[in-house]
Protein backbone atom coordinates (compact mmCIF):
# COMPACT_ATOMS: atom_id res chain seq x y z
CA MET A 1 -13.05 41.86 -39.61
CA VAL A 2 -11.14 39.39 -37.51
CA TRP A 3 -14.29 38.51 -34.94
CA LEU A 4 -16.20 37.72 -37.92
CA PRO A 5 -14.96 34.03 -37.76
CA LEU A 6 -15.91 34.19 -33.62
CA LEU A 7 -19.34 35.40 -34.56
CA LEU A 8 -20.16 32.06 -36.76
CA VAL A 9 -18.85 29.96 -33.75
CA ALA A 10 -21.12 31.68 -31.59
CA CYS A 11 -24.15 31.18 -33.68
CA VAL A 12 -23.73 27.60 -34.81
CA VAL A 13 -23.56 26.86 -31.21
CA ALA A 14 -26.36 28.66 -30.10
CA GLY A 15 -28.36 27.19 -33.05
CA VAL A 16 -27.01 23.89 -32.23
CA GLY A 17 -28.08 23.93 -28.54
CA CYS A 18 -31.21 25.96 -29.54
CA ALA A 19 -32.19 23.01 -32.28
CA ARG A 20 -31.23 20.40 -29.60
CA LEU A 21 -33.97 21.93 -27.09
CA CYS A 22 -36.59 22.24 -29.12
CA ARG A 23 -36.45 18.67 -30.59
CA ALA A 24 -36.23 16.68 -27.33
CA THR A 25 -39.56 19.27 -26.29
CA LEU A 26 -40.73 17.84 -29.09
CA ALA A 27 -40.24 14.43 -28.16
CA ALA A 28 -40.85 14.59 -24.85
CA ALA A 29 -44.59 15.69 -26.04
CA ALA A 30 -44.95 13.20 -28.50
CA ARG A 31 -44.26 10.41 -26.30
CA ALA A 32 -46.22 12.14 -23.45
CA HIS A 33 -49.57 12.38 -25.12
CA GLY A 34 -51.41 11.38 -22.78
CA VAL A 35 -55.33 10.92 -22.29
CA PRO A 36 -58.30 13.19 -21.68
CA ALA A 37 -58.43 13.53 -17.97
CA ALA A 38 -61.96 12.85 -18.29
CA ASP A 39 -61.33 9.57 -19.94
CA ALA A 40 -58.18 8.15 -17.33
CA PRO A 41 -58.70 6.30 -14.28
CA GLU A 42 -58.82 7.65 -11.24
CA LEU A 43 -55.19 8.23 -9.84
CA THR A 44 -53.91 6.38 -6.68
CA VAL A 45 -52.35 8.12 -3.90
CA GLY A 46 -49.13 6.45 -4.85
CA GLU A 47 -49.55 7.63 -8.15
CA ALA A 48 -50.35 11.35 -7.54
CA ALA A 49 -47.06 11.40 -5.21
CA TYR A 50 -44.77 10.40 -8.53
CA LEU A 51 -46.25 12.80 -10.53
CA ALA A 52 -46.11 15.79 -8.39
CA GLY A 53 -42.78 14.72 -7.05
CA GLY A 54 -41.04 11.99 -8.61
CA PRO A 55 -39.55 8.53 -6.54
CA LEU A 56 -38.54 10.85 -3.61
CA ARG A 57 -42.22 11.88 -3.20
CA VAL A 58 -43.45 8.29 -3.38
CA THR A 59 -41.15 7.14 -1.01
CA ASP A 60 -41.85 9.94 1.74
CA LEU A 61 -45.43 9.02 1.05
CA THR A 62 -45.06 5.73 1.81
CA LEU A 63 -42.89 6.77 4.68
CA VAL A 64 -45.39 8.68 6.47
CA SER A 65 -48.63 6.36 5.49
CA MET A 66 -46.41 3.42 7.32
CA HIS A 67 -45.71 5.67 10.23
CA ARG A 68 -49.20 6.96 10.74
CA GLU A 69 -50.82 3.15 10.62
CA ARG A 70 -48.37 2.46 12.96
CA ARG A 71 -46.29 0.25 11.49
CA LEU A 72 -43.22 2.17 11.31
CA LEU A 73 -41.81 4.62 13.59
CA LEU A 74 -40.81 7.60 12.24
CA ALA A 75 -38.57 9.52 14.94
CA ARG A 76 -37.98 13.24 15.10
CA THR A 77 -34.04 12.59 15.33
CA GLY A 78 -34.23 11.53 11.46
CA TRP A 79 -34.47 7.37 12.39
CA ALA A 80 -37.25 5.03 11.17
CA THR A 81 -37.94 1.96 12.87
CA VAL A 82 -40.04 -1.30 11.89
CA VAL A 83 -43.20 -1.98 14.07
CA ASP A 84 -45.01 -4.42 12.40
CA ALA A 85 -43.05 -5.86 9.43
CA ASP A 86 -45.84 -8.72 8.40
CA ALA A 87 -48.39 -5.92 8.03
CA CYS A 88 -46.34 -4.66 5.30
CA ALA A 89 -46.15 -7.78 3.12
CA ALA A 90 -49.09 -7.02 0.76
CA ASP A 91 -47.90 -3.43 -0.24
CA PRO A 92 -44.65 -3.73 -3.05
CA LEU A 93 -43.99 0.06 -1.54
CA GLU A 94 -43.65 -0.72 1.80
CA ARG A 95 -41.81 -4.05 1.45
CA ALA A 96 -39.09 -2.10 -0.36
CA VAL A 97 -39.30 0.38 3.11
CA ILE A 98 -38.83 -2.56 5.25
CA GLY A 99 -36.21 -4.04 2.37
CA ALA A 100 -33.93 -0.28 2.91
CA LEU A 101 -34.32 -0.74 6.85
CA GLY A 102 -32.15 -3.88 6.88
CA PRO A 103 -31.95 -6.82 9.03
CA GLN A 104 -31.53 -4.68 12.12
CA GLY A 105 -35.20 -3.15 11.09
CA GLN A 106 -33.73 0.16 11.99
CA ALA A 107 -31.86 3.07 9.82
CA PRO A 108 -31.44 7.07 9.32
CA VAL A 109 -34.19 8.27 7.09
CA PRO A 110 -31.95 10.32 4.71
CA ALA A 111 -30.01 6.56 4.14
CA VAL A 112 -33.61 5.10 3.25
CA ARG A 113 -35.01 7.84 0.83
CA PRO A 114 -32.63 7.17 -1.69
CA LEU A 115 -33.08 3.31 -1.26
CA VAL A 116 -36.70 3.08 -1.63
CA ALA A 117 -36.49 5.67 -4.17
CA ALA A 118 -34.99 3.27 -6.56
CA ALA A 119 -36.49 0.15 -5.92
CA GLU A 120 -38.15 -1.66 -8.48
CA SER A 121 -41.51 -1.43 -7.09
CA VAL A 122 -40.99 2.30 -7.38
CA HIS A 123 -39.85 1.58 -11.13
CA LEU A 124 -42.92 -0.52 -12.05
CA LEU A 125 -45.05 2.24 -10.94
CA ALA A 126 -43.45 5.30 -13.10
CA GLU A 127 -43.56 2.32 -16.01
CA ARG A 128 -47.25 2.34 -15.18
CA LEU A 129 -48.04 5.99 -15.82
CA VAL A 130 -45.60 6.41 -19.04
CA ALA A 131 -47.96 3.60 -20.41
CA ARG A 132 -50.92 5.30 -19.55
CA GLY A 133 -49.60 8.29 -20.94
CA LEU A 134 -49.55 10.28 -17.37
CA ALA A 135 -45.90 10.34 -17.22
CA VAL A 136 -42.72 11.67 -18.69
CA PRO A 137 -40.37 8.63 -19.51
CA ALA A 138 -36.69 9.07 -17.98
CA ALA A 139 -35.06 9.21 -21.55
CA GLY A 140 -37.47 12.53 -22.42
CA ARG A 141 -36.50 14.14 -18.90
CA ARG A 142 -33.28 13.67 -19.66
CA GLU A 143 -33.14 14.85 -23.46
CA VAL A 144 -34.78 17.84 -22.07
CA ALA A 145 -32.01 18.28 -19.64
CA ALA A 146 -29.81 17.81 -21.54
CA GLY A 147 -30.91 20.43 -24.41
CA LEU A 148 -31.17 23.29 -21.87
CA ARG A 149 -27.63 22.59 -20.79
CA ALA A 150 -26.75 22.95 -24.36
CA VAL A 151 -28.38 26.37 -24.91
CA ARG A 152 -27.06 27.66 -21.58
CA ALA A 153 -23.38 26.80 -23.04
CA GLY A 154 -24.03 28.55 -26.39
CA LEU A 155 -25.66 31.24 -24.43
CA LEU A 156 -22.33 31.63 -22.19
CA LEU A 157 -19.73 30.93 -25.32
CA SER A 158 -21.80 33.73 -27.34
CA LEU A 159 -21.24 35.91 -24.33
CA ALA A 160 -17.23 35.27 -24.44
CA LEU A 161 -16.68 35.74 -27.59
CA GLY A 162 -18.61 38.93 -27.84
CA THR A 163 -16.52 40.19 -25.08
CA VAL A 164 -13.47 38.91 -26.66
CA SER A 165 -14.43 40.35 -30.38
CA ALA A 166 -15.49 44.03 -28.83
CA LEU A 167 -11.97 43.85 -27.50
CA LEU A 168 -10.21 43.14 -31.01
CA VAL A 169 -11.65 46.22 -32.63
CA PRO A 170 -11.26 49.99 -31.63
CA ALA A 171 -13.62 51.36 -29.67
CA ALA A 172 -15.37 53.52 -33.07
CA GLU A 173 -15.81 49.90 -34.49
CA ARG A 174 -18.01 47.99 -31.90
CA ALA A 175 -21.31 49.06 -33.02
CA PRO A 176 -21.40 46.05 -35.80
CA VAL A 177 -19.56 43.64 -33.59
CA LEU A 178 -22.31 43.90 -30.74
CA ALA A 179 -24.97 44.12 -33.41
CA GLY A 180 -23.97 40.93 -34.64
CA PHE A 181 -23.40 38.95 -31.16
CA ALA A 182 -26.49 40.48 -30.18
CA LEU A 183 -28.39 37.70 -32.38
CA PRO A 184 -27.06 34.38 -31.21
CA LEU A 185 -27.49 35.94 -27.45
CA LEU A 186 -30.50 37.35 -27.92
CA ALA A 187 -32.12 33.77 -29.48
CA SER A 188 -30.06 31.79 -26.90
CA GLY A 189 -31.56 33.97 -24.05
CA LEU A 190 -34.56 33.24 -25.14
CA CYS A 191 -34.67 29.76 -25.83
CA LEU A 192 -33.52 29.41 -22.11
CA LEU A 193 -36.24 31.74 -20.91
CA ILE A 194 -39.09 29.73 -22.28
CA GLY A 195 -37.20 26.14 -21.46
CA ARG A 196 -37.27 27.27 -17.63
CA ILE A 197 -41.06 28.34 -18.11
CA GLU A 198 -42.42 26.44 -20.16
CA VAL A 199 -40.29 22.71 -20.04
CA TYR A 200 -39.86 21.91 -16.80
CA PRO A 201 -43.63 21.99 -15.46
CA HIS A 202 -44.57 20.06 -18.23
CA THR A 203 -42.08 17.35 -18.53
CA ARG A 204 -40.44 16.86 -14.80
CA TRP A 205 -42.91 14.03 -13.87
CA ALA A 206 -46.32 14.57 -14.93
CA SER A 207 -47.31 14.51 -18.50
CA PRO A 208 -50.14 17.40 -19.51
CA ALA A 209 -52.49 14.99 -18.94
CA GLY A 210 -51.37 13.56 -15.70
CA GLN A 211 -51.10 17.45 -14.50
CA ARG A 212 -54.93 17.69 -14.93
CA LEU A 213 -55.22 14.67 -13.47
CA LEU A 214 -53.43 16.18 -10.61
CA ALA A 215 -55.15 19.74 -10.56
CA SER A 216 -58.46 17.69 -10.31
CA LEU A 217 -57.71 16.40 -7.01
CA SER A 218 -59.03 17.34 -3.39
CA ALA A 219 -56.11 17.71 -0.90
CA THR A 220 -58.57 17.41 1.90
CA ASP A 221 -57.27 14.20 2.86
CA PRO A 222 -53.70 14.54 4.48
CA LEU A 223 -51.76 11.97 2.59
CA THR A 224 -53.59 13.28 -1.01
CA ALA A 225 -52.49 16.84 0.49
CA LEU A 226 -48.31 15.16 1.16
CA ALA A 227 -48.44 13.59 -2.27
CA THR A 228 -49.29 16.73 -4.38
CA ARG A 229 -48.03 19.50 -2.25
CA GLY A 230 -45.13 17.67 -0.34
CA PRO A 231 -43.81 17.62 3.03
CA ALA A 232 -44.26 21.11 3.35
CA VAL A 233 -48.01 20.29 4.87
CA LEU A 234 -46.39 18.11 7.19
CA GLU A 235 -46.60 18.48 11.14
CA PRO A 236 -43.00 19.57 12.30
CA GLU A 237 -42.20 16.46 13.93
CA LEU A 238 -42.59 14.52 10.40
CA ARG A 239 -41.15 17.00 8.37
CA ALA A 240 -37.62 16.96 10.74
CA ALA A 241 -38.29 13.16 10.77
CA LEU A 242 -37.79 12.73 7.09
CA ARG A 243 -35.03 15.54 6.94
CA GLY A 244 -33.12 13.25 8.97
CA ARG A 245 -32.58 15.57 11.92
CA GLY A 246 -34.30 16.89 14.79
């Protein structure tokens, strides 16, 4: 019965991981309660970009919008160059882009994107969406991600301890060992599967209410299509520019 303490450890770790993920999921759902889509105000294209892809999607949308309006040049080689800085003064997201390009007014797009994504204007946009119940708070995303890591660790530990326990007993006595370790393995595996399928699509950026508003948007406008679907809808030259390689 040397394997029983190992089974107890596996069950405790698996149980803690599953409980942590469930608690984080429930807390995220409670914070991101949202408002009915019919009663919510219409999303701006920038808000749709955040709900669909987060801060980097907002950055890509701003860069492409400025490029199409000839305030910024996105070269296929992956460099961004200011064309008309004065026309960007009224928009906080565009001002963030100008600031990220530096005093020379030119910089590689891969260096600009994270700077704009971390700008105060993007942070304020996220806060407004969280206050309206359309976006999941950053704390909720971190808690869910930590819960998934805990469940994954419990699954791997149960597998390792089960293998060790099976090797410690004679072959004729392995049936109860395998049956015992099947419980934490099954619990962790199912919890991880449900988390992957159900948790991430609804808590990465948009709350359920935000998801409903995104689903109601039409992607006929090119910028709306970029906001909701990402750079895959762009022409090859702009995709190359955003990736930073020609």
